[in-house]
Amino acid sequence: MKLRHETISRERAQGTQRGKGSSRGRLLCALCVLSRRNSEASRRGSATALVLGILALVAVYVVANSLVTRHLKADLKLIEQKQLKKYAAPKP
């Protein structure tokens, strides 16, 4: 592709453009530029997807941690009530 681009640049500088070949060459050059832009956008899109994925994993971890903490708090409260009953001073 690069060689074709250089050929077209030389033809333009010399003022010798071919009929179908030059428009085809311009199209190829335009496609080269677009494909380069698309690959850069693709890399940026991949990075964005990766960051969003990591963010989703962190959110799942936070929610799971919150639920476990709530359940442990309820269990601790139940254990405390049982111990208070068991070790309560006898009533005279």
Protein backbone atom coordinates (compact mmCIF):
# COMPACT_ATOMS: atom_id res chain seq x y z
CA MET A 1 0.00 0.00 0.00
CA LYS A 2 2.79 2.38 0.85
CA LEU A 3 4.40 1.90 -2.55
CA ARG A 4 1.12 2.65 -4.28
CA HIS A 5 0.75 5.81 -2.18
CA GLU A 6 4.26 6.93 -3.15
CA THR A 7 3.52 6.25 -6.83
CA ILE A 8 0.38 8.36 -6.70
CA SER A 9 2.26 11.17 -4.95
CA ARG A 10 4.92 11.13 -7.67
CA GLU A 11 2.26 11.15 -10.40
CA ARG A 12 0.58 14.15 -8.83
CA ALA A 13 3.89 15.99 -8.55
CA GLN A 14 4.65 15.28 -12.21
CA GLY A 15 1.13 16.15 -13.27
CA THR A 16 0.57 12.76 -14.90
CA GLN A 17 -2.60 11.25 -13.61
CA ARG A 18 -4.11 8.19 -15.15
CA GLY A 19 -7.82 7.90 -15.70
CA LYS A 20 -9.12 4.94 -13.70
CA GLY A 21 -5.85 4.18 -11.94
CA SER A 22 -5.58 7.49 -10.14
CA SER A 23 -9.11 7.43 -8.71
CA ARG A 24 -8.58 3.82 -7.67
CA GLY A 25 -5.30 4.81 -6.07
CA ARG A 26 -6.95 7.65 -4.18
CA LEU A 27 -9.57 5.23 -2.96
CA LEU A 28 -6.88 2.82 -1.78
CA CYS A 29 -5.05 5.63 0.02
CA ALA A 30 -8.28 6.73 1.66
CA LEU A 31 -8.90 3.15 2.76
CA CYS A 32 -5.38 2.99 4.22
CA VAL A 33 -6.00 6.11 6.26
CA LEU A 34 -9.40 4.87 7.40
CA SER A 35 -8.05 1.47 8.38
CA ARG A 36 -5.31 3.15 10.43
CA ARG A 37 -7.91 5.30 12.16
CA ASN A 38 -10.14 2.29 12.74
CA SER A 39 -7.32 0.31 14.32
CA GLU A 40 -6.54 3.20 16.67
CA ALA A 41 -10.21 3.52 17.58
CA SER A 42 -10.37 -0.24 18.04
CA ARG A 43 -7.47 -0.10 20.50
CA ARG A 44 -9.13 2.73 22.39
CA GLY A 45 -12.40 0.79 22.39
CA SER A 46 -10.66 -2.29 23.72
CA ALA A 47 -9.09 -0.29 26.53
CA THR A 48 -12.48 1.19 27.39
CA ALA A 49 -14.08 -2.26 27.44
CA LEU A 50 -11.29 -3.54 29.69
CA VAL A 51 -11.72 -0.67 32.15
CA LEU A 52 -15.50 -1.15 32.21
CA GLY A 53 -15.02 -4.88 32.82
CA ILE A 54 -12.71 -4.25 35.75
CA LEU A 55 -15.13 -1.66 37.11
CA ALA A 56 -17.97 -4.20 36.88
CA LEU A 57 -15.89 -6.78 38.78
CA VAL A 58 -15.16 -4.25 41.52
CA ALA A 59 -18.87 -3.41 41.76
CA VAL A 60 -19.76 -7.11 42.09
CA TYR A 61 -17.11 -7.47 44.81
CA VAL A 62 -18.51 -4.48 46.74
CA VAL A 63 -22.09 -5.78 46.57
CA ALA A 64 -21.03 -9.30 47.62
CA ASN A 65 -18.99 -7.90 50.49
CA SER A 66 -21.96 -5.83 51.64
CA LEU A 67 -24.27 -8.85 51.63
CA VAL A 68 -21.81 -11.03 53.55
CA THR A 69 -21.31 -8.26 56.13
CA ARG A 70 -25.07 -7.98 56.61
CA HIS A 71 -25.42 -11.75 57.13
CA LEU A 72 -22.50 -11.86 59.56
CA LYS A 73 -24.00 -8.99 61.53
CA ALA A 74 -27.30 -10.89 61.86
CA ASP A 75 -25.46 -14.07 62.95
CA LEU A 76 -23.46 -12.15 65.54
CA LYS A 77 -26.63 -10.61 66.94
CA LEU A 78 -28.22 -14.06 67.26
CA ILE A 79 -25.13 -15.46 69.03
CA GLU A 80 -25.10 -12.49 71.40
CA GLN A 81 -28.77 -13.05 72.31
CA LYS A 82 -28.13 -16.76 73.01
CA GLN A 83 -25.14 -15.96 75.22
CA LEU A 84 -27.08 -13.32 77.15
CA LYS A 85 -29.81 -15.90 77.87
CA LYS A 86 -27.31 -18.58 78.83
CA TYR A 87 -25.19 -16.44 81.15
CA ALA A 88 -27.92 -14.20 82.56
CA ALA A 89 -27.95 -13.92 86.34
CA PRO A 90 -30.59 -16.16 87.88
CA LYS A 91 -33.63 -14.33 89.24
CA PRO A 92 -34.13 -14.72 92.98
